[in-house]
Protein backbone atom coordinates (compact mmCIF):
# COMPACT_ATOMS: atom_id res chain seq x y z
CA UNK A 1 -29.20 14.18 -0.92
CA UNK A 2 -27.73 12.25 -3.60
CA UNK A 3 -26.15 8.87 -2.79
CA UNK A 4 -22.23 9.41 -3.35
CA UNK A 5 -22.02 5.67 -4.60
CA UNK A 6 -24.22 6.47 -7.63
CA UNK A 7 -21.82 8.98 -9.07
CA UNK A 8 -19.46 7.92 -11.76
CA UNK A 9 -16.10 9.35 -11.74
CA UNK A 10 -13.52 9.18 -14.62
CA UNK A 11 -10.74 6.90 -14.70
CA UNK A 12 -7.42 8.89 -14.25
CA UNK A 13 -4.43 7.05 -15.12
CA UNK A 14 -1.83 9.92 -14.99
CA UNK A 15 -1.37 12.50 -12.21
CA UNK A 16 -2.46 16.12 -12.91
CA UNK A 17 0.15 18.22 -14.42
CA UNK A 18 1.76 21.14 -12.78
CA UNK A 19 2.06 19.66 -9.13
CA UNK A 20 5.18 20.87 -7.43
CA UNK A 21 7.57 18.08 -6.46
CA UNK A 22 8.39 17.17 -2.89
CA UNK A 23 11.98 17.91 -1.66
CA UNK A 24 14.60 15.60 -2.61
CA UNK A 25 15.34 13.38 0.46
CA UNK A 26 17.96 10.72 0.88
CA UNK A 27 15.37 7.81 0.72
CA UNK A 28 14.83 8.96 -2.83
CA UNK A 29 18.45 8.13 -3.78
CA UNK A 30 20.57 5.04 -3.76
CA UNK A 31 23.70 5.01 -1.40
CA UNK A 32 25.89 5.99 -4.44
CA UNK A 33 23.61 8.68 -5.63
CA UNK A 34 23.61 10.07 -1.89
CA UNK A 35 27.41 10.28 -2.13
CA UNK A 36 27.24 12.03 -5.37
CA UNK A 37 24.79 14.44 -3.98
CA UNK A 38 27.04 15.19 -1.00
CA UNK A 39 29.93 15.92 -3.43
CA UNK A 40 27.66 18.41 -5.20
CA UNK A 41 27.13 20.16 -1.96
CA UNK A 42 30.89 20.26 -1.31
CA UNK A 43 30.53 17.76 1.30
CA UNK A 44 32.58 14.52 2.06
CA UNK A 45 30.77 11.42 0.70
CA UNK A 46 30.92 9.66 4.01
CA UNK A 47 28.67 12.27 5.67
CA UNK A 48 25.77 10.88 3.23
CA UNK A 49 26.62 7.31 4.80
CA UNK A 50 26.37 8.56 8.30
CA UNK A 51 23.05 10.13 7.70
CA UNK A 52 21.78 6.97 6.07
CA UNK A 53 22.86 5.01 9.01
CA UNK A 54 20.96 7.39 11.49
CA UNK A 55 17.84 7.26 9.29
CA UNK A 56 17.47 3.70 8.35
CA UNK A 57 19.54 1.60 10.98
CA UNK A 58 19.39 3.90 14.31
CA UNK A 59 15.91 5.19 13.45
CA UNK A 60 16.97 8.54 14.45
CA UNK A 61 15.32 11.63 13.19
CA UNK A 62 16.30 14.17 15.74
CA UNK A 63 19.49 16.04 14.63
CA UNK A 64 20.63 16.66 18.27
CA UNK A 65 21.24 12.83 18.49
CA UNK A 66 23.56 12.74 15.45
CA UNK A 67 26.42 13.52 17.53
CA UNK A 68 28.99 11.99 14.95
CA UNK A 69 28.07 14.95 12.63
CA UNK A 70 30.03 18.18 13.28
CA UNK A 71 27.84 20.55 15.13
CA UNK A 72 28.61 23.55 12.79
CA UNK A 73 27.55 21.47 9.59
CA UNK A 74 24.76 19.23 11.20
CA UNK A 75 21.83 21.66 10.26
CA UNK A 76 22.98 21.93 6.71
CA UNK A 77 23.50 18.21 6.42
CA UNK A 78 19.90 17.36 7.97
CA UNK A 79 18.28 19.94 5.91
CA UNK A 80 20.00 18.81 2.66
CA UNK A 81 19.36 15.04 3.16
CA UNK A 82 16.41 14.74 5.72
CA UNK A 83 13.85 17.53 4.68
CA UNK A 84 10.52 17.11 6.44
CA UNK A 85 8.38 15.50 4.06
CA UNK A 86 5.04 14.92 6.09
CA UNK A 87 3.62 16.38 9.29
CA UNK A 88 1.35 14.24 11.43
CA UNK A 89 -2.02 15.95 11.91
CA UNK A 90 -3.66 13.09 14.09
CA UNK A 91 -3.29 9.40 15.11
CA UNK A 92 -6.33 7.50 15.95
CA UNK A 93 -5.99 4.20 17.88
CA UNK A 94 -8.00 0.78 18.02
CA UNK A 95 -7.33 -2.47 19.47
CA UNK A 96 -5.67 -1.05 22.73
CA UNK A 97 -3.22 0.83 20.73
CA UNK A 98 -1.96 -1.94 18.51
CA UNK A 99 -3.63 -0.35 15.65
CA UNK A 100 -2.79 3.08 14.70
CA UNK A 101 -3.98 5.14 11.77
CA UNK A 102 -2.02 8.49 11.14
CA UNK A 103 -3.31 11.22 8.96
CA UNK A 104 -0.41 13.02 7.49
CA UNK A 105 0.00 16.56 5.59
CA UNK A 106 2.50 16.50 2.76
CA UNK A 107 4.48 19.45 1.88
CA UNK A 108 1.95 20.91 -0.72
CA UNK A 109 -1.06 20.28 1.79
CA UNK A 110 -2.27 17.05 0.36
CA UNK A 111 -3.60 14.54 2.89
CA UNK A 112 -2.65 10.78 3.09
CA UNK A 113 -3.06 8.13 5.57
CA UNK A 114 -1.03 5.12 6.91
CA UNK A 115 -2.10 2.36 9.34
CA UNK A 116 0.07 0.36 11.54
CA UNK A 117 -1.12 -3.07 12.91
CA UNK A 118 0.69 -4.90 15.55
CA UNK A 119 -0.12 -8.64 15.76
CA UNK A 120 1.47 -11.18 18.17
CA UNK A 121 3.66 -12.49 15.47
CA UNK A 122 4.24 -9.33 13.07
CA UNK A 123 4.00 -5.82 12.49
CA UNK A 124 2.23 -4.61 9.23
CA UNK A 125 2.26 -1.18 7.88
CA UNK A 126 -0.35 -0.26 5.20
CA UNK A 127 1.01 2.69 3.09
CA UNK A 128 -0.42 5.03 0.70
CA UNK A 129 1.29 5.61 -2.80
CA UNK A 130 -0.87 8.48 -4.15
CA UNK A 131 -2.67 11.36 -2.52
CA UNK A 132 -6.09 10.18 -3.56
CA UNK A 133 -6.79 7.59 -6.39
CA UNK A 134 -7.86 7.77 -9.94
CA UNK A 135 -9.33 4.25 -10.28
CA UNK A 136 -12.75 5.52 -9.23
CA UNK A 137 -13.95 2.23 -7.63
CA UNK A 138 -17.52 3.19 -6.26
CA UNK A 139 -17.36 1.22 -2.96
CA UNK A 140 -13.88 2.70 -1.93
CA UNK A 141 -13.76 5.84 0.07
CA UNK A 142 -10.29 6.69 -1.53
CA UNK A 143 -11.54 6.11 -5.03
CA UNK A 144 -14.44 8.52 -4.63
CA UNK A 145 -11.98 11.33 -3.71
CA UNK A 146 -10.33 11.25 -7.07
CA UNK A 147 -6.59 11.65 -7.54
CA UNK A 148 -4.46 14.47 -6.54
CA UNK A 149 -0.95 13.62 -7.26
CA UNK A 150 1.56 10.61 -6.98
CA UNK A 151 3.75 10.32 -3.93
CA UNK A 152 7.56 10.27 -4.09
CA UNK A 153 9.60 7.24 -3.10
CA UNK A 154 10.78 8.95 0.10
CA UNK A 155 7.15 9.94 0.93
CA UNK A 156 6.24 6.28 0.59
CA UNK A 157 9.31 5.10 2.61
CA UNK A 158 8.86 7.69 5.50
CA UNK A 159 5.41 6.15 6.36
CA UNK A 160 7.06 3.06 7.26
CA UNK A 161 10.12 4.76 8.83
CA UNK A 162 7.68 6.78 10.99
CA UNK A 163 6.12 3.34 12.19
CA UNK A 164 9.55 1.74 12.74
CA UNK A 165 10.54 4.67 14.82
CA UNK A 166 7.34 4.48 16.96
CA UNK A 167 7.89 0.78 17.53
CA UNK A 168 11.65 1.49 18.44
CA UNK A 169 10.54 4.11 21.01
CA UNK A 170 8.04 1.93 22.61
CA UNK A 171 5.18 4.06 21.66
CA UNK A 172 3.14 0.98 20.50
CA UNK A 173 1.87 -1.33 23.19
CA UNK A 174 3.85 -4.72 23.31
CA UNK A 175 7.45 -3.29 23.72
CA UNK A 176 10.19 -2.46 21.00
CA UNK A 177 9.71 -4.18 17.76
CA UNK A 178 10.36 -3.83 13.82
CA UNK A 179 8.19 -3.53 11.01
CA UNK A 180 8.06 -6.98 9.44
CA UNK A 181 5.49 -6.53 6.53
CA UNK A 182 4.46 -3.59 4.30
CA UNK A 183 1.46 -3.82 2.22
CA UNK A 184 0.74 -1.08 -0.54
CA UNK A 185 -2.90 -1.25 0.35
CA UNK A 186 -3.41 2.46 1.46
CA UNK A 187 -4.47 5.35 -0.56
CA UNK A 188 -3.81 5.15 -4.52
CA UNK A 189 -3.19 2.56 -7.11
CA UNK A 190 0.50 1.47 -6.63
CA UNK A 191 1.05 0.30 -10.18
CA UNK A 192 -0.05 3.80 -11.45
CA UNK A 193 3.09 5.35 -9.60
CA UNK A 194 5.21 2.29 -10.42
CA UNK A 195 8.63 4.15 -10.52
CA UNK A 196 8.32 5.68 -6.89
CA UNK A 197 6.76 2.28 -5.66
CA UNK A 198 9.62 0.28 -6.82
CA UNK A 199 12.11 2.79 -5.68
CA UNK A 200 10.33 2.52 -2.11
CA UNK A 201 10.55 -1.35 -2.32
CA UNK A 202 14.36 -1.12 -3.03
CA UNK A 203 14.84 1.25 -0.03
CA UNK A 204 12.78 -0.90 2.31
CA UNK A 205 14.61 -4.20 1.22
CA UNK A 206 18.26 -2.88 0.71
CA UNK A 207 20.46 -3.53 3.76
CA UNK A 208 21.17 -0.69 6.06
CA UNK A 209 22.50 1.91 5.71
CA UNK A 210 21.22 1.88 2.06
CA UNK A 211 17.69 0.96 3.18
CA UNK A 212 15.63 -0.69 5.88
CA UNK A 213 16.76 -4.39 5.40
CA UNK A 214 13.30 -5.90 5.07
CA UNK A 215 12.70 -9.07 3.33
CA UNK A 216 10.96 -8.49 -0.04
CA UNK A 217 8.87 -11.60 0.80
CA UNK A 218 7.19 -9.47 3.53
CA UNK A 219 5.96 -6.73 0.85
CA UNK A 220 2.80 -6.95 -0.85
CA UNK A 221 1.81 -4.67 -3.83
CA UNK A 222 -1.87 -4.33 -4.65
CA UNK A 223 -3.45 -3.52 -7.94
CA UNK A 224 -6.79 -3.19 -9.36
CA UNK A 225 -5.14 -4.90 -12.60
CA UNK A 226 -3.14 -2.51 -14.71
CA UNK A 227 -1.98 -5.12 -16.88
CA UNK A 228 1.01 -3.77 -18.57
CA UNK A 229 2.35 -2.65 -15.26
CA UNK A 230 1.90 -6.24 -13.63
CA UNK A 231 3.83 -7.58 -16.55
CA UNK A 232 6.63 -4.88 -15.87
CA UNK A 233 6.62 -5.53 -12.26
CA UNK A 234 7.10 -9.39 -13.09
CA UNK A 235 10.08 -8.51 -15.10
CA UNK A 236 11.88 -6.74 -12.49
CA UNK A 237 13.09 -9.70 -10.34
CA UNK A 238 11.85 -8.41 -6.97
CA UNK A 239 10.07 -11.06 -5.15
CA UNK A 240 7.11 -9.04 -3.61
CA UNK A 241 3.71 -10.54 -3.30
CA UNK A 242 1.11 -9.66 -5.84
CA UNK A 243 -2.47 -8.76 -4.74
CA UNK A 244 -5.05 -8.44 -7.51
CA UNK A 245 -8.30 -6.55 -6.36
CA UNK A 246 -10.71 -8.55 -8.45
CA UNK A 247 -13.96 -8.18 -6.61
CA UNK A 248 -16.00 -9.81 -9.21
CA UNK A 249 -15.32 -12.98 -11.62
CA UNK A 250 -17.40 -11.73 -14.44
CA UNK A 251 -16.99 -8.72 -16.82
CA UNK A 252 -20.48 -7.36 -16.46
CA UNK A 253 -20.23 -6.98 -12.68
CA UNK A 254 -16.56 -5.89 -12.68
CA UNK A 255 -16.97 -3.13 -15.21
CA UNK A 256 -19.20 -1.53 -12.68
CA UNK A 257 -17.35 -2.41 -9.34
CA UNK A 258 -13.71 -1.81 -10.86
CA UNK A 259 -13.84 0.72 -13.83
CA UNK A 260 -10.42 -0.28 -15.00
CA UNK A 261 -12.18 -3.51 -16.15
CA UNK A 262 -13.42 -1.69 -19.13
CA UNK A 263 -9.82 -1.58 -20.30
CA UNK A 264 -8.56 -4.80 -18.99
CA UNK A 265 -10.92 -7.40 -18.67
CA UNK A 266 -11.18 -10.27 -15.85
CA UNK A 267 -9.32 -12.61 -18.19
CA UNK A 268 -6.42 -10.27 -18.86
CA UNK A 269 -6.08 -9.31 -15.24
CA UNK A 270 -6.10 -12.86 -14.07
CA UNK A 271 -3.68 -14.02 -16.83
CA UNK A 272 -1.30 -11.05 -15.91
CA UNK A 273 -1.51 -12.41 -12.26
CA UNK A 274 -1.01 -15.96 -13.33
CA UNK A 275 2.10 -14.96 -15.23
CA UNK A 276 3.38 -12.93 -12.40
CA UNK A 277 3.00 -16.26 -10.27
CA UNK A 278 4.75 -18.11 -12.95
CA UNK A 279 7.65 -15.77 -13.35
CA UNK A 280 8.47 -14.92 -9.64
CA UNK A 281 7.44 -18.28 -8.12
CA UNK A 282 5.31 -16.18 -5.63
CA UNK A 283 1.86 -17.12 -4.83
CA UNK A 284 -0.64 -14.45 -5.92
CA UNK A 285 -3.38 -13.06 -3.83
CA UNK A 286 -6.83 -12.37 -5.16
CA UNK A 287 -8.55 -9.69 -3.18
CA UNK A 288 -12.31 -9.96 -3.15
CA UNK A 289 -14.42 -7.42 -1.00
CA UNK A 290 -17.82 -9.12 -0.18
CA UNK A 291 -20.88 -6.98 -0.81
CA UNK A 292 -24.23 -8.15 0.24
CA UNK A 293 -26.44 -9.14 -2.76
CA UNK A 294 -23.96 -7.78 -5.32
CA UNK A 295 -20.93 -10.21 -5.73
CA UNK A 296 -21.53 -12.64 -2.82
CA UNK A 297 -23.80 -15.19 -4.61
CA UNK A 298 -22.82 -18.90 -4.50
CA UNK A 299 -22.80 -19.11 -8.11
CA UNK A 300 -20.20 -16.38 -8.43
CA UNK A 301 -18.11 -18.39 -5.96
CA UNK A 302 -18.09 -21.30 -8.40
CA UNK A 303 -17.42 -18.80 -11.41
CA UNK A 304 -14.45 -17.51 -9.53
CA UNK A 305 -13.17 -21.04 -8.89
CA UNK A 306 -13.56 -21.82 -12.73
CA UNK A 307 -11.80 -18.65 -13.61
CA UNK A 308 -8.72 -19.34 -11.32
CA UNK A 309 -8.57 -23.06 -11.79
CA UNK A 310 -8.81 -22.52 -15.70
CA UNK A 311 -4.94 -21.20 -15.40
CA UNK A 312 -3.97 -24.65 -13.43
CA UNK A 313 -4.06 -25.78 -9.89
CA UNK A 314 -0.28 -25.51 -9.13
CA UNK A 315 -0.69 -23.61 -6.05
CA UNK A 316 -0.33 -20.11 -7.78
CA UNK A 317 -3.19 -18.35 -6.21
CA UNK A 318 -5.23 -17.99 -2.92
CA UNK A 319 -8.41 -15.84 -2.45
CA UNK A 320 -8.44 -13.19 0.42
CA UNK A 321 -12.20 -12.34 1.09
CA UNK A 322 -12.64 -8.90 2.56
CA UNK A 323 -15.77 -8.23 4.61
CA UNK A 324 -16.87 -4.89 3.04
CA UNK A 325 -15.91 -1.87 5.39
CA UNK A 326 -18.66 0.74 5.55
CA UNK A 327 -17.94 4.26 3.99
CA UNK A 328 -20.35 7.36 4.64
CA UNK A 329 -23.46 7.51 2.54
CA UNK A 330 -22.60 4.26 0.75
CA UNK A 331 -25.19 1.88 -0.64
CA UNK A 332 -22.71 -1.03 -0.52
CA UNK A 333 -22.96 -3.08 2.83
CA UNK A 334 -21.19 -6.25 4.09
CA UNK A 335 -22.18 -9.79 3.08
CA UNK A 336 -24.45 -11.72 5.47
CA UNK A 337 -21.97 -13.98 7.49
CA UNK A 338 -23.89 -17.20 6.19
CA UNK A 339 -23.41 -16.07 2.64
CA UNK A 340 -19.67 -15.45 3.31
CA UNK A 341 -19.30 -18.98 4.82
CA UNK A 342 -20.81 -20.52 1.81
CA UNK A 343 -18.46 -18.56 -0.38
CA UNK A 344 -15.54 -19.78 1.37
CA UNK A 345 -17.01 -23.43 1.41
CA UNK A 346 -17.34 -23.41 -2.36
CA UNK A 347 -13.96 -22.26 -3.14
CA UNK A 348 -12.30 -24.57 -0.76
CA UNK A 349 -14.20 -27.42 -2.00
CA UNK A 350 -12.54 -26.72 -5.32
CA UNK A 351 -9.20 -26.63 -3.70
CA UNK A 352 -8.57 -22.98 -3.64
CA UNK A 353 -6.89 -21.72 -0.37
CA UNK A 354 -9.21 -19.02 0.97
CA UNK A 355 -8.89 -16.68 3.92
CA UNK A 356 -11.20 -13.89 5.29
CA UNK A 357 -9.24 -10.71 5.98
CA UNK A 358 -9.15 -9.52 9.65
CA UNK A 359 -11.11 -6.18 9.68
CA UNK A 360 -8.60 -4.30 11.92
CA UNK A 361 -9.11 -0.68 12.27
CA UNK A 362 -12.70 -0.47 11.04
CA UNK A 363 -13.85 1.65 13.97
CA UNK A 364 -11.25 4.23 13.18
CA UNK A 365 -12.02 4.10 9.37
CA UNK A 366 -8.63 2.46 8.91
CA UNK A 367 -9.68 -0.57 7.41
CA UNK A 368 -9.58 -1.57 3.63
CA UNK A 369 -11.60 0.78 1.48
CA UNK A 370 -11.84 3.22 4.20
CA UNK A 371 -8.83 5.64 3.93
CA UNK A 372 -10.23 9.03 2.71
CA UNK A 373 -7.84 11.48 4.52
CA UNK A 374 -10.15 13.93 5.79
CA UNK A 375 -9.93 16.13 8.87
CA UNK A 376 -13.28 15.41 10.09
């Protein structure tokens, strides 16, 4: 049996042509666009606002509970504005029910996953932005599955709303709560689907009933380093946190681990991240999956420090080390804890804030790099 991690997949920047589009949903639209859509359907504009209030503010998805809508029109309104976007196939739990990974089937049969993680002081939703991923990183289960299609704004938002509803209903141990953080670190390369991702960020941060009313500072958008899109994101004036999945400080190794590096080098990716921090005044996170004998050598920690400090030491960056999570059949394994500690020590000695990510959900394949959206 061949080693899956030895296969070389092509980089795919654009989704395959000819895919059907998901049904239009109110989360795809601004409040004004929803009112215009209602008018198109011959309905009063205020009905769109009522539906928006149910969806974003009251976290209601049962038409029977929408008693302010006329019974005769309720089904028509819900069908028009709140079409079903995703069907849960299964939910796996870890950490006594406070980590929940859900496998969703989209309208066209594509499969994606999202993960809810409840901590004592916050609730984080890890969401997917594409069905599959075209970035072909060999150590990531999602990347080895290839790209099926981009997700719509509403499909992205619905992952968060489903989590919000489960928290409000007390389905997650710890009592009712709200989603405080969203990380675009599920399936897909978010900046390869930038328009829908920005639409989702706007819906999540706009006040109800236009959106969910989250703080943009609670949202993190991850990228492998699509440099032009990073600059585009910086120009939009939305203060989300940027996370750059670097994984190696040198081009030779990063070309192997993160194939997009053959188009945008380490220097170009880090320059774009630095510029994002300069423009937005938001500290950038450098994501670095620690792989035994591959990228965890002490000299690479020194080189990473050199690369980051070359752009200045004004607090623009911190490093988030990720203990590599296992994927089936992979040759890549997690670093020895002693090597991980030395890596942290060397970065901190150079004044670079460094954390080691909590590996929540590993036992349910819900941790970083493990999302593969399979039925097995």
